[in-house]
Amino acid sequence: MSDQDGPLFLVVNIKPRLDRLEEAEAQLQSMRRNTLNEPGCVFMHLVQPRDDPDSWLMLEMFHSRAA
């Protein structure tokens, strides 16, 4: 199995500008809904760390890089 055949995991730390937190959250939730509808998407989670509530951690898994 090559790297292209295995699952793809993405971990992104998102720190929006403090004056645009609500707009950023709305955009992230919209992106999450759209991504979950993609055929290769296994999951996408947005998490707000307790020690940094003004940021998000985005966790995604796809069946493969091609997906």
N, C-alpha and C. Protein backbone atom coordinates (compact mmCIF):
# COMPACT_ATOMS: atom_id res chain seq x y z
N MET A 1 0.86 -1.18 0.00
CA MET A 1 0.00 0.00 0.00
C MET A 1 0.90 1.24 0.00
N SER A 2 0.66 2.14 -0.92
CA SER A 2 1.43 3.38 -0.96
C SER A 2 0.76 4.42 -0.07
N ASP A 3 1.48 5.53 0.14
CA ASP A 3 0.91 6.62 0.94
C ASP A 3 -0.37 7.16 0.32
N GLN A 4 -0.49 7.05 -0.99
CA GLN A 4 -1.67 7.55 -1.68
C GLN A 4 -2.90 6.70 -1.38
N ASP A 5 -2.71 5.44 -1.00
CA ASP A 5 -3.83 4.53 -0.80
C ASP A 5 -4.40 4.57 0.61
N GLY A 6 -3.62 4.99 1.58
CA GLY A 6 -4.05 4.96 2.97
C GLY A 6 -4.89 6.17 3.33
N PRO A 7 -5.41 6.18 4.54
CA PRO A 7 -6.24 7.30 4.99
C PRO A 7 -5.42 8.58 5.11
N LEU A 8 -6.11 9.68 5.01
CA LEU A 8 -5.51 11.01 5.16
C LEU A 8 -6.09 11.66 6.40
N PHE A 9 -5.22 12.09 7.30
CA PHE A 9 -5.64 12.79 8.50
C PHE A 9 -5.16 14.23 8.42
N LEU A 10 -6.01 15.17 8.80
CA LEU A 10 -5.65 16.58 8.85
C LEU A 10 -5.93 17.10 10.24
N VAL A 11 -4.99 17.85 10.79
CA VAL A 11 -5.15 18.50 12.08
C VAL A 11 -4.74 19.95 11.87
N VAL A 12 -5.67 20.87 12.13
CA VAL A 12 -5.42 22.29 11.88
C VAL A 12 -5.78 23.09 13.13
N ASN A 13 -4.86 23.93 13.55
CA ASN A 13 -5.11 24.84 14.67
C ASN A 13 -5.54 26.18 14.08
N ILE A 14 -6.74 26.64 14.43
CA ILE A 14 -7.32 27.85 13.86
C ILE A 14 -7.45 28.90 14.95
N LYS A 15 -6.81 30.04 14.74
CA LYS A 15 -6.87 31.15 15.70
C LYS A 15 -7.37 32.39 14.96
N PRO A 16 -8.67 32.58 14.91
CA PRO A 16 -9.21 33.76 14.21
C PRO A 16 -8.95 35.04 15.00
N ARG A 17 -9.06 36.13 14.29
CA ARG A 17 -8.96 37.43 14.96
C ARG A 17 -10.08 37.54 15.99
N LEU A 18 -9.76 38.10 17.13
CA LEU A 18 -10.74 38.19 18.22
C LEU A 18 -11.97 39.01 17.83
N ASP A 19 -11.80 40.01 16.96
CA ASP A 19 -12.94 40.83 16.57
C ASP A 19 -13.82 40.15 15.51
N ARG A 20 -13.45 38.92 15.09
CA ARG A 20 -14.23 38.21 14.07
C ARG A 20 -14.54 36.77 14.48
N LEU A 21 -14.61 36.53 15.79
CA LEU A 21 -14.85 35.17 16.28
C LEU A 21 -16.18 34.60 15.81
N GLU A 22 -17.24 35.38 15.88
CA GLU A 22 -18.56 34.87 15.47
C GLU A 22 -18.59 34.54 13.99
N GLU A 23 -18.02 35.41 13.18
CA GLU A 23 -17.96 35.16 11.73
C GLU A 23 -17.13 33.91 11.44
N ALA A 24 -16.00 33.77 12.14
CA ALA A 24 -15.15 32.59 11.93
C ALA A 24 -15.89 31.31 12.31
N GLU A 25 -16.61 31.33 13.43
CA GLU A 25 -17.34 30.13 13.84
C GLU A 25 -18.41 29.76 12.82
N ALA A 26 -19.12 30.74 12.30
CA ALA A 26 -20.15 30.47 11.29
C ALA A 26 -19.52 29.86 10.04
N GLN A 27 -18.39 30.40 9.61
CA GLN A 27 -17.71 29.86 8.42
C GLN A 27 -17.21 28.44 8.67
N LEU A 28 -16.65 28.20 9.84
CA LEU A 28 -16.16 26.86 10.16
C LEU A 28 -17.29 25.84 10.21
N GLN A 29 -18.42 26.21 10.79
CA GLN A 29 -19.56 25.29 10.84
C GLN A 29 -20.11 25.00 9.44
N SER A 30 -20.13 26.02 8.59
CA SER A 30 -20.56 25.82 7.20
C SER A 30 -19.59 24.89 6.47
N MET A 31 -18.30 25.12 6.67
CA MET A 31 -17.29 24.26 6.05
C MET A 31 -17.43 22.82 6.55
N ARG A 32 -17.72 22.66 7.83
CA ARG A 32 -17.88 21.32 8.39
C ARG A 32 -19.06 20.60 7.74
N ARG A 33 -20.20 21.29 7.61
CA ARG A 33 -21.38 20.66 6.98
C ARG A 33 -21.05 20.23 5.55
N ASN A 34 -20.38 21.09 4.80
CA ASN A 34 -20.04 20.77 3.40
C ASN A 34 -19.05 19.61 3.33
N THR A 35 -18.06 19.62 4.20
CA THR A 35 -17.04 18.56 4.17
C THR A 35 -17.65 17.21 4.53
N LEU A 36 -18.56 17.18 5.47
CA LEU A 36 -19.19 15.90 5.86
C LEU A 36 -19.99 15.29 4.71
N ASN A 37 -20.39 16.09 3.74
CA ASN A 37 -21.12 15.58 2.58
C ASN A 37 -20.21 15.06 1.48
N GLU A 38 -18.90 15.27 1.60
CA GLU A 38 -17.96 14.77 0.60
C GLU A 38 -17.87 13.25 0.74
N PRO A 39 -17.87 12.52 -0.39
CA PRO A 39 -17.89 11.06 -0.33
C PRO A 39 -16.73 10.43 0.42
N GLY A 40 -15.54 11.01 0.39
CA GLY A 40 -14.39 10.41 1.05
C GLY A 40 -14.21 10.79 2.49
N CYS A 41 -15.06 11.66 3.02
CA CYS A 41 -14.91 12.15 4.39
C CYS A 41 -15.40 11.10 5.39
N VAL A 42 -14.52 10.73 6.32
CA VAL A 42 -14.90 9.81 7.39
C VAL A 42 -15.44 10.63 8.57
N PHE A 43 -14.71 11.69 8.94
CA PHE A 43 -15.19 12.58 9.99
C PHE A 43 -14.51 13.94 9.87
N MET A 44 -15.15 14.92 10.46
CA MET A 44 -14.57 16.25 10.64
C MET A 44 -15.14 16.79 11.94
N HIS A 45 -14.26 17.12 12.86
CA HIS A 45 -14.68 17.64 14.15
C HIS A 45 -14.02 19.00 14.37
N LEU A 46 -14.75 19.89 14.99
CA LEU A 46 -14.22 21.17 15.44
C LEU A 46 -14.26 21.16 16.96
N VAL A 47 -13.13 21.40 17.57
CA VAL A 47 -13.01 21.35 19.02
C VAL A 47 -12.44 22.68 19.51
N GLN A 48 -13.03 23.20 20.58
CA GLN A 48 -12.49 24.40 21.22
C GLN A 48 -11.77 23.95 22.49
N PRO A 49 -10.46 24.12 22.54
CA PRO A 49 -9.72 23.73 23.74
C PRO A 49 -10.18 24.54 24.96
N ARG A 50 -10.30 23.89 26.09
CA ARG A 50 -10.73 24.58 27.31
C ARG A 50 -9.74 25.66 27.73
N ASP A 51 -8.45 25.42 27.46
CA ASP A 51 -7.45 26.39 27.87
C ASP A 51 -7.24 27.51 26.85
N ASP A 52 -7.96 27.45 25.72
CA ASP A 52 -7.85 28.50 24.70
C ASP A 52 -9.19 28.60 23.95
N PRO A 53 -10.24 29.12 24.59
CA PRO A 53 -11.57 29.12 23.99
C PRO A 53 -11.73 30.03 22.77
N ASP A 54 -10.72 30.83 22.45
CA ASP A 54 -10.77 31.69 21.27
C ASP A 54 -10.12 31.04 20.05
N SER A 55 -9.89 29.75 20.12
CA SER A 55 -9.32 29.03 18.99
C SER A 55 -10.10 27.74 18.77
N TRP A 56 -9.85 27.12 17.62
CA TRP A 56 -10.47 25.83 17.30
C TRP A 56 -9.40 24.88 16.82
N LEU A 57 -9.62 23.62 17.05
CA LEU A 57 -8.81 22.56 16.51
C LEU A 57 -9.71 21.79 15.55
N MET A 58 -9.31 21.70 14.29
CA MET A 58 -10.10 21.00 13.29
C MET A 58 -9.42 19.66 13.02
N LEU A 59 -10.17 18.58 13.19
CA LEU A 59 -9.68 17.22 12.97
C LEU A 59 -10.48 16.60 11.84
N GLU A 60 -9.78 16.11 10.82
CA GLU A 60 -10.46 15.51 9.67
C GLU A 60 -9.81 14.18 9.32
N MET A 61 -10.62 13.28 8.80
CA MET A 61 -10.11 12.03 8.25
C MET A 61 -10.85 11.74 6.95
N PHE A 62 -10.06 11.40 5.93
CA PHE A 62 -10.61 11.00 4.64
C PHE A 62 -10.13 9.58 4.34
N HIS A 63 -10.89 8.85 3.53
CA HIS A 63 -10.52 7.48 3.19
C HIS A 63 -9.15 7.41 2.53
N SER A 64 -8.81 8.42 1.74
CA SER A 64 -7.53 8.45 1.05
C SER A 64 -7.23 9.88 0.62
N ARG A 65 -6.00 10.12 0.19
CA ARG A 65 -5.63 11.44 -0.31
C ARG A 65 -6.47 11.77 -1.55
N ALA A 66 -6.71 10.79 -2.40
CA ALA A 66 -7.50 11.02 -3.61
C ALA A 66 -8.94 11.41 -3.28
N ALA A 67 -9.47 10.85 -2.19
CA ALA A 67 -10.85 11.15 -1.80
C ALA A 67 -10.97 12.59 -1.39
